[in-house]
Amino acid sequence: YNQGLHIGAIFIIFGASVLGTGIPLLGKYFPIIRQPYLFVVGKHIGTGVLLALALIHLLTPAFDQLGNPCLPKTFSENYVFAPLFALIAALVMHLIETVATLYFTSKGY
């Protein structure tokens, strides 16, 4: 445990958050920042970071819990269900994002 690194991480996250929320606000005054591809790239980078973070922190415990002897033998012997559930969750999230994007685009937002 290194307290200095943890305190530094708080300020790094704060700075990244200010930068991430400030760029769209500055786009109102500076046309070069208003390019739509910048927002698309930023959105996909953020999505990738969230998915990677979720997989790193949640997939290993999912393997452990789905291999629990209290569960039916199907979960522990025949198939590995943790990656299947992670894949289904990622596909459902993508479907929700696609439907929401189509809906709000059609409404002119």
Protein backbone atom coordinates (compact mmCIF):
# COMPACT_ATOMS: atom_id res chain seq x y z
CA TYR A 1 0.00 0.00 0.00
CA ASN A 2 1.50 3.29 -1.10
CA GLN A 3 -0.48 6.27 0.16
CA GLY A 4 1.32 8.75 -2.10
CA LEU A 5 0.36 6.82 -5.24
CA HIS A 6 -3.26 6.62 -4.11
CA ILE A 7 -3.43 10.36 -3.49
CA GLY A 8 -1.76 11.01 -6.83
CA ALA A 9 -4.27 8.72 -8.54
CA ILE A 10 -7.14 10.82 -7.17
CA PHE A 11 -5.68 13.94 -8.79
CA ILE A 12 -4.95 12.11 -12.06
CA ILE A 13 -8.54 10.85 -12.23
CA PHE A 14 -9.80 14.34 -11.39
CA GLY A 15 -7.67 15.87 -14.15
CA ALA A 16 -8.81 13.29 -16.71
CA SER A 17 -12.43 13.92 -15.72
CA VAL A 18 -12.02 17.68 -16.08
CA LEU A 19 -10.40 17.17 -19.48
CA GLY A 20 -13.11 14.74 -20.60
CA THR A 21 -15.95 17.04 -19.62
CA GLY A 22 -14.19 20.24 -20.65
CA ILE A 23 -13.46 19.31 -24.26
CA PRO A 24 -17.15 19.32 -25.34
CA LEU A 25 -17.67 22.61 -23.50
CA LEU A 26 -14.67 24.18 -25.22
CA GLY A 27 -15.99 22.91 -28.56
CA LYS A 28 -18.61 25.64 -28.39
CA TYR A 29 -15.89 28.31 -28.65
CA PHE A 30 -13.20 26.52 -30.69
CA PRO A 31 -14.46 24.93 -33.94
CA ILE A 32 -11.40 22.69 -34.30
CA ILE A 33 -12.49 20.76 -31.20
CA ARG A 34 -16.05 20.40 -32.51
CA GLN A 35 -15.12 17.60 -34.90
CA PRO A 36 -17.54 14.66 -34.51
CA TYR A 37 -14.84 12.02 -34.91
CA LEU A 38 -13.15 13.25 -31.72
CA PHE A 39 -16.26 12.46 -29.72
CA VAL A 40 -16.70 9.07 -31.37
CA VAL A 41 -13.08 8.14 -30.65
CA GLY A 42 -13.39 9.39 -27.07
CA LYS A 43 -16.60 7.43 -26.56
CA HIS A 44 -15.04 4.22 -27.81
CA ILE A 45 -11.91 4.69 -25.70
CA GLY A 46 -14.09 5.18 -22.63
CA THR A 47 -16.17 2.12 -23.47
CA GLY A 48 -13.04 0.03 -23.94
CA VAL A 49 -11.63 1.15 -20.61
CA LEU A 50 -14.86 0.30 -18.80
CA LEU A 51 -15.12 -3.12 -20.42
CA ALA A 52 -11.48 -3.94 -19.69
CA LEU A 53 -11.85 -2.81 -16.10
CA ALA A 54 -15.00 -4.88 -15.66
CA LEU A 55 -13.39 -7.96 -17.15
CA ILE A 56 -10.26 -7.62 -15.05
CA HIS A 57 -12.11 -7.17 -11.79
CA LEU A 58 -15.15 -9.35 -12.32
CA LEU A 59 -14.23 -12.27 -14.56
CA THR A 60 -11.85 -14.03 -12.17
CA PRO A 61 -14.31 -13.99 -9.23
CA ALA A 62 -17.00 -15.18 -11.66
CA PHE A 63 -14.88 -18.20 -12.56
CA ASP A 64 -14.41 -18.93 -8.87
CA GLN A 65 -18.07 -18.55 -7.94
CA LEU A 66 -19.43 -20.50 -10.90
CA GLY A 67 -17.09 -23.35 -9.96
CA ASN A 68 -18.60 -23.50 -6.47
CA PRO A 69 -19.46 -27.06 -5.42
CA CYS A 70 -22.91 -25.90 -4.25
CA LEU A 71 -23.94 -25.31 -7.87
CA PRO A 72 -25.12 -28.15 -10.13
CA LYS A 73 -22.41 -30.15 -11.84
CA THR A 74 -23.24 -28.53 -15.19
CA PHE A 75 -21.62 -25.31 -14.06
CA SER A 76 -18.37 -26.86 -12.90
CA GLU A 77 -17.72 -29.91 -15.08
CA ASN A 78 -19.22 -29.66 -18.55
CA TYR A 79 -19.07 -26.00 -19.52
CA VAL A 80 -17.42 -22.78 -18.46
CA PHE A 81 -20.21 -20.23 -18.08
CA ALA A 82 -18.37 -17.11 -16.86
CA PRO A 83 -17.14 -16.03 -20.33
CA LEU A 84 -20.56 -16.85 -21.81
CA PHE A 85 -22.30 -14.56 -19.34
CA ALA A 86 -19.70 -11.83 -19.94
CA LEU A 87 -20.24 -12.12 -23.71
CA ILE A 88 -24.03 -11.97 -23.34
CA ALA A 89 -23.73 -8.89 -21.10
CA ALA A 90 -21.43 -7.15 -23.62
CA LEU A 91 -23.81 -7.92 -26.50
CA VAL A 92 -26.83 -6.67 -24.55
CA MET A 93 -24.99 -3.46 -23.64
CA HIS A 94 -24.06 -2.95 -27.29
CA LEU A 95 -27.67 -3.55 -28.34
CA ILE A 96 -28.95 -1.01 -25.80
CA GLU A 97 -26.40 1.57 -26.95
CA THR A 98 -27.27 1.01 -30.62
CA VAL A 99 -31.02 1.28 -30.03
CA ALA A 100 -30.58 4.39 -27.89
CA THR A 101 -28.33 6.00 -30.51
CA LEU A 102 -30.83 5.27 -33.28
CA TYR A 103 -33.70 6.59 -31.18
CA PHE A 104 -32.01 9.84 -30.20
CA THR A 105 -30.64 10.38 -33.70
CA SER A 106 -34.11 10.03 -35.16
CA LYS A 107 -35.44 12.57 -32.62
CA GLY A 108 -32.72 15.05 -33.64
CA TYR A 109 -30.77 15.13 -30.38
